[in-house]
Structure formats: structure tokens, C-alpha cells
Protein backbone atom coordinates (compact mmCIF):
# COMPACT_ATOMS: atom_id res chain seq x y z
CA UNK A 1 45.73 128.14 150.85
CA UNK A 2 48.92 126.85 152.45
CA UNK A 3 50.64 126.66 149.07
CA UNK A 4 49.67 130.28 148.37
CA UNK A 5 51.15 131.39 151.72
CA UNK A 6 54.35 129.51 150.93
CA UNK A 7 54.65 131.26 147.58
CA UNK A 8 54.01 134.61 149.23
CA UNK A 9 56.60 133.88 151.90
CA UNK A 10 59.22 133.19 149.26
CA UNK A 11 58.73 136.73 147.95
CA UNK A 12 58.24 138.72 151.16
CA UNK A 13 60.59 138.64 154.19
CA UNK A 14 57.62 139.46 156.40
CA UNK A 15 56.11 136.09 155.67
CA UNK A 16 59.38 134.13 155.78
CA UNK A 17 58.76 132.51 159.19
CA UNK A 18 55.21 131.57 158.26
CA UNK A 19 56.42 130.18 154.97
CA UNK A 20 59.01 128.04 156.74
CA UNK A 21 56.39 126.70 159.13
CA UNK A 22 53.93 125.83 156.37
CA UNK A 23 56.67 124.20 154.30
CA UNK A 24 57.44 121.84 157.20
CA UNK A 25 53.70 121.20 157.64
CA UNK A 26 53.24 120.38 153.95
CA UNK A 27 56.29 118.09 153.99
CA UNK A 28 54.90 116.11 156.93
CA UNK A 29 51.47 115.83 155.30
CA UNK A 30 53.01 114.78 152.00
CA UNK A 31 54.98 111.94 153.54
CA UNK A 32 52.36 110.39 155.83
CA UNK A 33 49.87 107.61 155.19
CA UNK A 34 52.09 105.95 152.62
CA UNK A 35 50.15 103.33 150.68
CA UNK A 36 51.02 102.11 147.21
CA UNK A 37 48.82 99.03 147.27
CA UNK A 38 46.37 100.62 144.83
CA UNK A 39 49.07 100.86 142.18
CA UNK A 40 49.83 97.14 142.00
CA UNK A 41 49.57 95.76 138.47
CA UNK A 42 47.77 92.53 137.75
CA UNK A 43 50.36 89.78 138.08
CA UNK A 44 50.27 86.04 138.32
CA UNK A 45 49.52 84.77 141.79
CA UNK A 46 52.37 82.29 141.40
CA UNK A 47 54.93 85.10 141.43
CA UNK A 48 56.35 86.01 144.84
CA UNK A 49 55.45 89.59 145.70
CA UNK A 50 56.95 90.78 148.97
CA UNK A 51 55.29 93.74 150.64
CA UNK A 52 58.32 94.72 152.64
CA UNK A 53 62.05 94.18 152.86
CA UNK A 54 61.25 92.62 156.21
CA UNK A 55 58.90 90.06 154.59
CA UNK A 56 61.56 88.22 152.62
CA UNK A 57 61.30 84.46 153.31
CA UNK A 58 63.55 82.87 155.88
CA UNK A 59 64.06 79.28 156.90
CA UNK A 60 63.74 77.87 160.39
CA UNK A 61 67.18 79.06 161.44
CA UNK A 62 66.38 82.63 160.46
CA UNK A 63 68.64 82.55 157.39
CA UNK A 64 67.39 83.68 154.01
CA UNK A 65 65.94 80.97 151.80
CA UNK A 66 67.81 80.54 148.48
CA UNK A 67 65.07 82.22 146.40
CA UNK A 68 65.86 84.70 143.62
CA UNK A 69 65.80 87.78 145.86
CA UNK A 70 66.90 86.14 149.09
CA UNK A 71 70.17 88.04 149.29
CA UNK A 72 68.42 91.27 150.24
CA UNK A 73 69.02 91.12 153.97
CA UNK A 74 69.09 93.82 156.57
CA UNK A 75 72.00 92.84 158.79
CA UNK A 76 74.86 94.35 156.75
CA UNK A 77 76.16 90.91 155.78
CA UNK A 78 75.56 88.48 152.94
CA UNK A 79 73.92 85.26 154.10
CA UNK A 80 73.36 84.08 150.52
CA UNK A 81 73.87 85.29 146.97
CA UNK A 82 71.10 86.78 144.92
CA UNK A 83 70.02 84.58 142.02
CA UNK A 84 68.83 86.83 139.18
CA UNK A 85 65.31 86.30 137.82
CA UNK A 86 65.75 84.73 134.38
CA UNK A 87 63.10 87.01 132.90
CA UNK A 88 65.42 90.01 133.34
CA UNK A 89 67.29 88.58 130.37
CA UNK A 90 70.87 87.60 129.76
CA UNK A 91 73.03 90.18 128.07
CA UNK A 92 72.36 89.76 124.36
CA UNK A 93 75.32 88.88 122.16
CA UNK A 94 73.32 89.40 118.97
CA UNK A 95 74.02 92.49 116.92
CA UNK A 96 71.37 94.66 115.31
CA UNK A 97 72.11 98.09 113.91
CA UNK A 98 69.00 99.75 115.30
CA UNK A 99 69.41 98.52 118.87
CA UNK A 100 70.35 100.92 121.65
CA UNK A 101 73.10 99.29 123.71
CA UNK A 102 73.99 101.30 126.76
CA UNK A 103 77.00 100.93 129.04
CA UNK A 104 76.15 102.33 132.48
CA UNK A 105 79.09 103.36 134.64
CA UNK A 106 78.32 102.90 138.32
CA UNK A 107 81.04 103.72 140.88
CA UNK A 108 80.13 102.44 144.36
CA UNK A 109 81.58 102.33 147.86
CA UNK A 110 78.63 101.22 150.01
CA UNK A 111 78.08 98.00 151.91
CA UNK A 112 76.82 94.94 150.07
CA UNK A 113 73.26 95.02 151.44
CA UNK A 114 72.80 98.43 149.77
CA UNK A 115 74.57 97.48 146.55
CA UNK A 116 72.29 94.49 146.05
CA UNK A 117 69.25 96.74 146.22
CA UNK A 118 70.90 99.27 143.90
CA UNK A 119 71.88 96.70 141.28
CA UNK A 120 68.47 95.01 141.39
CA UNK A 121 66.92 98.43 140.73
CA UNK A 122 69.13 99.05 137.69
CA UNK A 123 68.49 95.55 136.33
CA UNK A 124 64.74 95.82 136.79
CA UNK A 125 64.35 99.06 134.86
CA UNK A 126 66.79 98.46 131.99
CA UNK A 127 66.62 96.02 129.09
CA UNK A 128 68.80 93.07 128.13
CA UNK A 129 71.04 95.17 125.88
CA UNK A 130 72.15 97.42 128.76
CA UNK A 131 75.25 96.51 130.78
CA UNK A 132 76.14 97.91 134.21
CA UNK A 133 79.87 98.25 134.91
CA UNK A 134 80.59 98.50 138.63
CA UNK A 135 83.67 100.24 140.02
CA UNK A 136 84.39 99.25 143.63
CA UNK A 137 86.13 101.97 145.62
CA UNK A 138 89.52 100.72 146.74
CA UNK A 139 88.98 102.33 150.14
CA UNK A 140 85.99 100.04 150.76
CA UNK A 141 86.55 96.49 151.98
CA UNK A 142 84.72 93.65 150.22
CA UNK A 143 85.22 89.94 150.73
CA UNK A 144 85.70 87.79 147.63
CA UNK A 145 82.34 86.19 148.27
CA UNK A 146 80.63 89.59 148.32
CA UNK A 147 82.15 90.62 144.98
CA UNK A 148 81.15 87.30 143.43
CA UNK A 149 77.62 87.74 144.73
CA UNK A 150 77.33 91.12 143.04
CA UNK A 151 78.67 89.96 139.69
CA UNK A 152 76.58 86.79 139.75
CA UNK A 153 73.36 88.78 140.00
CA UNK A 154 73.27 88.98 136.21
CA UNK A 155 75.38 88.58 133.10
CA UNK A 156 74.61 92.28 132.62
CA UNK A 157 76.65 93.19 135.73
CA UNK A 158 80.37 93.54 135.09
CA UNK A 159 82.82 94.25 137.91
CA UNK A 160 85.74 96.43 136.89
CA UNK A 161 88.93 94.70 138.16
CA UNK A 162 90.72 98.05 138.51
CA UNK A 163 89.95 99.67 141.86
CA UNK A 164 90.81 103.32 142.48
CA UNK A 165 90.53 105.13 145.83
CA UNK A 166 87.67 107.54 145.16
CA UNK A 167 87.11 110.67 147.20
CA UNK A 168 84.86 113.64 146.56
CA UNK A 169 86.24 116.71 144.80
CA UNK A 170 89.55 115.10 143.84
CA UNK A 171 88.91 114.12 140.23
CA UNK A 172 88.96 110.45 141.22
CA UNK A 173 85.22 110.06 140.59
CA UNK A 174 85.80 111.06 136.97
CA UNK A 175 88.74 108.66 136.92
CA UNK A 176 86.49 105.77 138.02
CA UNK A 177 83.97 106.56 135.25
CA UNK A 178 86.80 106.74 132.72
CA UNK A 179 88.09 103.37 133.91
CA UNK A 180 84.60 101.85 133.62
CA UNK A 181 84.30 103.25 130.09
CA UNK A 182 87.56 101.59 129.05
CA UNK A 183 86.84 98.30 130.77
CA UNK A 184 83.34 97.97 129.33
CA UNK A 185 84.50 98.58 125.77
CA UNK A 186 87.56 96.35 126.15
CA UNK A 187 85.54 93.46 127.58
CA UNK A 188 82.85 93.72 124.90
CA UNK A 189 85.55 93.52 122.20
CA UNK A 190 87.40 90.69 123.95
CA UNK A 191 84.23 88.61 124.30
CA UNK A 192 83.16 89.40 120.74
CA UNK A 193 80.02 91.23 121.85
CA UNK A 194 78.33 94.01 119.87
CA UNK A 195 79.71 97.47 120.50
CA UNK A 196 77.84 99.82 122.79
CA UNK A 197 75.91 102.70 121.26
CA UNK A 198 75.86 105.00 124.31
CA UNK A 199 77.60 105.67 127.61
CA UNK A 200 75.55 106.65 130.65
CA UNK A 201 76.81 107.94 134.00
CA UNK A 202 75.10 106.44 137.02
CA UNK A 203 75.56 107.05 140.72
CA UNK A 204 75.03 104.93 143.79
CA UNK A 205 72.48 107.28 145.34
CA UNK A 206 70.41 107.61 142.15
CA UNK A 207 67.66 105.04 141.57
CA UNK A 208 65.31 104.32 138.67
CA UNK A 209 61.54 104.45 139.14
CA UNK A 210 60.38 103.56 135.63
CA UNK A 211 61.59 101.72 132.55
CA UNK A 212 61.95 103.00 129.01
CA UNK A 213 65.14 105.00 129.31
CA UNK A 214 66.67 103.20 126.31
CA UNK A 215 63.99 104.68 124.04
CA UNK A 216 64.71 108.14 125.47
CA UNK A 217 68.43 107.70 124.81
CA UNK A 218 67.77 106.49 121.27
CA UNK A 219 65.47 109.44 120.58
CA UNK A 220 67.70 112.21 121.95
CA UNK A 221 71.19 110.78 121.39
CA UNK A 222 72.89 112.72 124.18
CA UNK A 223 72.06 114.86 127.21
CA UNK A 224 73.19 118.11 125.62
CA UNK A 225 69.94 120.08 125.88
CA UNK A 226 70.80 123.60 127.00
CA UNK A 227 69.32 124.80 130.29
CA UNK A 228 66.24 126.99 130.00
CA UNK A 229 64.22 124.99 127.48
CA UNK A 230 61.30 122.67 128.18
CA UNK A 231 61.78 120.37 131.10
CA UNK A 232 65.13 121.99 131.83
CA UNK A 233 63.33 124.98 133.34
CA UNK A 234 62.18 122.90 136.29
CA UNK A 235 64.15 123.12 139.57
CA UNK A 236 66.83 120.49 140.07
CA UNK A 237 66.31 119.04 136.59
CA UNK A 238 69.74 119.26 135.04
CA UNK A 239 70.58 119.94 131.45
CA UNK A 240 73.83 121.27 130.14
CA UNK A 241 75.02 124.74 131.12
CA UNK A 242 77.64 127.04 129.64
CA UNK A 243 80.57 128.08 131.81
CA UNK A 244 83.81 130.03 131.74
CA UNK A 245 87.11 128.11 131.95
CA UNK A 246 88.44 131.08 133.98
CA UNK A 247 85.79 130.70 136.68
CA UNK A 248 86.65 129.16 140.06
CA UNK A 249 85.57 125.65 139.13
CA UNK A 250 86.81 126.07 135.57
CA UNK A 251 90.31 126.89 136.76
CA UNK A 252 90.31 123.85 139.03
CA UNK A 253 89.45 121.57 136.13
CA UNK A 254 91.88 123.41 133.85
CA UNK A 255 94.69 122.68 136.29
CA UNK A 256 94.57 119.13 134.89
CA UNK A 257 96.65 119.53 131.74
CA UNK A 258 94.51 117.36 129.39
CA UNK A 259 91.47 119.51 130.13
CA UNK A 260 92.85 122.28 127.94
CA UNK A 261 94.85 120.17 125.49
CA UNK A 262 92.03 117.65 124.83
CA UNK A 263 88.69 118.41 126.44
CA UNK A 264 88.25 122.04 125.39
CA UNK A 265 89.28 121.46 121.78
CA UNK A 266 86.93 121.56 118.82
CA UNK A 267 87.20 118.83 116.17
CA UNK A 268 89.45 121.16 114.13
CA UNK A 269 91.82 121.56 117.07
CA UNK A 270 90.89 125.12 118.00
CA UNK A 271 90.54 125.97 121.71
CA UNK A 272 87.08 126.79 123.02
CA UNK A 273 86.62 129.84 125.21
CA UNK A 274 83.65 128.13 126.85
CA UNK A 275 83.24 124.99 128.92
CA UNK A 276 80.08 123.00 129.48
CA UNK A 277 78.90 121.49 132.73
CA UNK A 278 76.12 119.21 133.86
CA UNK A 279 75.05 117.25 136.91
CA UNK A 280 76.47 113.92 135.75
CA UNK A 281 73.90 111.57 137.28
CA UNK A 282 71.85 110.16 134.42
CA UNK A 283 73.73 112.01 131.68
CA UNK A 284 74.39 110.05 128.48
CA UNK A 285 76.48 110.44 125.34
CA UNK A 286 77.14 108.59 122.05
CA UNK A 287 79.75 105.91 122.62
CA UNK A 288 81.65 106.97 119.51
CA UNK A 289 82.39 110.36 121.09
CA UNK A 290 83.26 108.76 124.44
CA UNK A 291 85.69 106.31 122.84
CA UNK A 292 87.35 109.22 121.04
CA UNK A 293 87.58 111.09 124.35
CA UNK A 294 89.30 108.17 126.04
CA UNK A 295 91.66 107.70 123.10
CA UNK A 296 92.64 111.38 123.05
CA UNK A 297 93.18 111.46 126.81
CA UNK A 298 95.35 108.33 126.75
CA UNK A 299 97.47 109.97 124.07
CA UNK A 300 98.53 112.52 126.69
CA UNK A 301 101.37 110.92 128.61
CA UNK A 302 100.45 110.19 132.23
CA UNK A 303 96.93 111.60 131.86
CA UNK A 304 95.16 108.82 133.76
CA UNK A 305 97.63 108.62 136.63
CA UNK A 306 97.76 112.40 137.00
CA UNK A 307 94.05 112.70 137.83
CA UNK A 308 93.63 113.85 141.39
CA UNK A 309 97.25 114.81 141.98
CA UNK A 310 97.50 118.30 140.55
CA UNK A 311 94.51 120.18 141.97
CA UNK A 312 92.16 120.37 144.93
CA UNK A 313 88.35 120.37 145.03
CA UNK A 314 87.74 119.62 141.37
CA UNK A 315 84.58 118.21 139.81
CA UNK A 316 85.98 116.84 136.58
CA UNK A 317 83.05 114.43 136.20
CA UNK A 318 80.75 117.45 135.74
CA UNK A 319 82.97 119.09 133.11
CA UNK A 320 84.96 116.58 131.05
CA UNK A 321 82.30 114.36 129.45
CA UNK A 322 79.85 117.19 128.78
CA UNK A 323 82.42 119.67 127.42
CA UNK A 324 84.09 117.19 125.08
CA UNK A 325 80.73 115.85 123.84
CA UNK A 326 79.29 119.32 123.25
CA UNK A 327 82.32 120.49 121.28
CA UNK A 328 82.50 117.26 119.26
CA UNK A 329 78.81 116.57 118.66
CA UNK A 330 79.31 117.30 114.96
CA UNK A 331 81.18 113.99 114.73
CA UNK A 332 77.90 112.06 114.93
CA UNK A 333 74.91 112.40 112.63
CA UNK A 334 72.25 112.40 115.34
CA UNK A 335 71.13 115.58 117.06
CA UNK A 336 72.04 115.47 120.76
CA UNK A 337 69.31 117.31 122.63
CA UNK A 338 68.09 115.35 125.65
CA UNK A 339 67.90 116.03 129.37
CA UNK A 340 69.51 113.84 132.01
CA UNK A 341 67.65 110.67 132.97
CA UNK A 342 67.71 111.40 136.71
CA UNK A 343 66.20 114.37 138.50
CA UNK A 344 68.00 115.78 141.52
CA UNK A 345 65.20 116.34 144.00
CA UNK A 346 67.37 117.20 147.00
CA UNK A 347 70.61 119.11 147.25
CA UNK A 348 72.15 116.48 149.52
CA UNK A 349 74.25 113.45 148.65
CA UNK A 350 72.07 110.88 150.38
CA UNK A 351 73.58 111.09 153.83
CA UNK A 352 71.82 110.93 157.16
CA UNK A 353 68.63 112.77 158.02
CA UNK A 354 65.11 112.71 156.65
CA UNK A 355 65.78 115.77 154.46
CA UNK A 356 68.36 113.87 152.45
CA UNK A 357 65.77 112.05 150.35
CA UNK A 358 62.08 112.15 149.46
CA UNK A 359 59.23 109.79 150.23
CA UNK A 360 56.81 107.91 147.96
CA UNK A 361 54.28 110.72 147.62
CA UNK A 362 56.85 113.21 146.41
CA UNK A 363 58.43 110.60 144.14
CA UNK A 364 55.06 110.20 142.44
CA UNK A 365 54.53 113.94 142.18
CA UNK A 366 58.01 115.11 141.20
CA UNK A 367 59.53 112.13 139.38
CA UNK A 368 56.97 109.59 138.16
CA UNK A 369 54.76 112.34 136.75
CA UNK A 370 57.50 113.64 134.42
CA UNK A 371 57.53 111.77 131.10
CA UNK A 372 61.23 112.25 130.34
CA UNK A 373 62.62 111.60 133.83
CA UNK A 374 63.33 107.97 134.78
CA UNK A 375 64.81 108.21 138.29
CA UNK A 376 66.05 110.55 140.96
CA UNK A 377 68.76 111.51 143.40
CA UNK A 378 69.25 111.21 146.32
CA UNK A 379 68.43 107.98 148.14
CA UNK A 380 69.82 107.57 151.64
CA UNK A 381 72.73 105.14 151.83
CA UNK A 382 72.46 104.60 155.58
CA UNK A 383 70.79 101.43 156.74
CA UNK A 384 69.19 103.04 159.77
CA UNK A 385 67.82 106.02 157.80
CA UNK A 386 64.74 105.12 155.76
CA UNK A 387 62.24 107.10 157.77
CA UNK A 388 60.06 107.90 154.77
CA UNK A 389 60.06 104.35 153.47
CA UNK A 390 61.91 105.38 150.32
CA UNK A 391 64.12 102.34 149.83
CA UNK A 392 61.29 99.96 150.61
CA UNK A 393 59.07 101.76 148.09
CA UNK A 394 61.79 101.54 145.43
CA UNK A 395 62.25 97.85 146.26
CA UNK A 396 58.54 97.25 145.65
CA UNK A 397 58.64 99.14 142.37
CA UNK A 398 61.54 96.96 141.20
CA UNK A 399 59.75 93.75 142.18
CA UNK A 400 56.62 94.82 140.32
CA UNK A 401 58.62 95.72 137.23
CA UNK A 402 60.26 92.29 137.30
CA UNK A 403 56.95 90.49 137.83
CA UNK A 404 55.26 92.46 135.07
CA UNK A 405 58.10 91.72 132.67
CA UNK A 406 57.98 88.02 133.55
CA UNK A 407 54.28 87.89 132.72
CA UNK A 408 54.79 89.67 129.41
CA UNK A 409 57.61 87.38 128.29
CA UNK A 410 56.03 84.20 129.61
CA UNK A 411 59.31 83.31 131.31
CA UNK A 412 59.73 81.92 134.77
CA UNK A 413 60.46 84.23 137.67
CA UNK A 414 63.00 81.74 139.03
CA UNK A 415 66.39 80.92 137.60
């Protein structure tokens, strides 16, 4: 009945106040009595399963014990480094033509306590062929020990040595992804590792809730499914949209010279009269196209250094990768027709306030229930704001995924 009133209120101004009231009521009901104990998989009793971030083991002095997940503390400091569970797998150096090897670009600026949870989440829900390249915002302060702790979590975590000051709507977020793209490919070549097959854009307020995204990427090739088909009809589920370079946001991106000379060009060199945009979180593209993009941009003198200096309030990260990939998709044999891996379930950026994220019940209903969605945005970045138990729920999901994987592989949980 309440849902029917809410739908009616959305159509009739006379019911608007009632609709608002029932929406609040439904939100409160949906986020109370949180209990995920019934979902626990059967795991070995010898594996440590913590029910809460507050239950992590401590020694007599109150410091974290040096167990694999001991670095997840709540006091905004690092008392010990996180030792990665060996069953998560070292980054494979073996090459196989049919393997999907994904480079995830993850720009971050948050404090280390949050980054450890974020990285653990990405490690838990990706396989051993996936590498996470971290860009640390130059405006954030990290001690050497903190950076080492992050990189030592896994051989699949690579810290980009180039640090750029990243600010919203300046183009610098795109610049950090571009830098991660270059560093990941350069390091793989330098260390004689297999080349990556795909490039995925991550974000520090987007978390995974299930594994299997590599199979999705292999099946669809790229997140170039046009809006309005299939899952892309659902609210806040982002596929690619068609835009006009002469629109407000189009002009802001076009004020960066390489956007017109490189990004909006077809393979034959002709200029496109359309641009393509997408919410970047969880978008993915063939690495061949991304390497060509970086090469073409670097061929424009001063292109990298000029990002962020010639325009105001630009969202290049939403336009550059998607436009170039859409116009050049003929350069790869696979059809590129997937949706993004993450679903945006709130319009916020994960700031303060209970409305800036969703709780476990809504995660189950609006994320876990969708077969081709593997995570969501946004998760609150503020230590004191986890009213709905979101981060703790995600932490439990990651631990269960790790424990389940350890049982399947027969490997030890400890390093």
C-alpha cells in the first residue's frame, strides 16, 4: 500500500507531501534490523571470521595483533601493516591468450584506514590476473610507512610513483587515470609480465559486492552499451550516452585542445559531430584502444601538462575514454556492448550524512540482485559516518569471499 501511495505521489502534486513522508518511512524500515548472519557460507572453522570491524583481535596493550587483516583499525592511524591472505593469489606472470587481465585505475585521497578497507575489497572480489594501480593525490599527506603498507597488501597492488594534485571538475581526475594507465602498462612491460587485456576505471567510493566481473568484461569487451536497452533502463545504472560537443559540458571538454584533435576523431581521421559520455565508475575498455588513446594524446605536444589549466568545471573522465573508445571500437574484433560494473545508487559522492550511501537491505535489493552489476557507488568516506552499517557489511562480504576462496583452493588463509 505504501509503495502504491509513493508511486501516486510521484505523479500528482496533491500527494507530494504524503509521498515524501512514506518514502522516509520506507527508508527507515528498509535499513533497520540489519542481520546478514543467515547468508554466511559454510567455511572452515579454522578460518578467522570477524563479525565486526570492532572485533578484530588485539593484544594486551590494545594494539592490533599481526594477523592477516590486523591493519584494519579505527583510529585513523596505522598500528601495523596488513599481510595479504595468500589465497588471494599473487599476480600471475604466466601468459595465456584467453585470459582476461584487467588493469584497474584507482585514484585515492582518503586516509589510510579507509584505503585499507577499499583495497581489501578490490582484492577480495577480483582474480589473480587483475592488478590495481593506485594514484595517491598529491594534496593528501601519507607517511612512507603508510604507502609501503598499502603496496605490501598484495603483489596485485601497484602504487603509481607520479602524484598529481587532484580536484573535482578540473580535468585532473582524468589525468590521474591516464597516468595510472601509462604506469601500469610500462611496469608490466618492464617486469616482463603479460600485457593487460582491458582497462577499468575505479573510484574510491565505489565498492564491489560480488566476484565474477572478469567474466563479464570478457563477455562484453567494453562498456559501450547505449542507454535505453536492457539493464540500462534502470535508474542510476549507467551505460553510454550520446552528447553534443557544443553543449555546456561538451564545450568545457572541447576547450582542451586534444579533445577535438584526438578524442573526437574516427579511425579515418574525420571529426565526429557527436561525443559520448558515461559515469566512469566501473566502466571498462579494451586495452588496445586505451594504449592507442594514450599514444595519440602524447603525440600532442604538452597534452598531459595542459590538463586542468585551460578550462573550468570540466569532467574529462566522463568524456575522453568513452568517446575515443566508441569512435574507435572498429579497431578490435570483439563487439563492445556491456554496462558499467558499478551501479550508482545515490546521487552523492559519499560525503557526510546518512543519505549519502545505502544500507545492507538496499544493497541486497538494488545491487546484489542484478546479475550484471558487481558493485555500487557511493560509500561514505567519513570515519564517523557509517550509520547504516554499510562499511561493516562490505567488510564482512570481503572476509567471506576470501574465506570461501581459501576453502576452494585448499590454500592457507595466512601468509
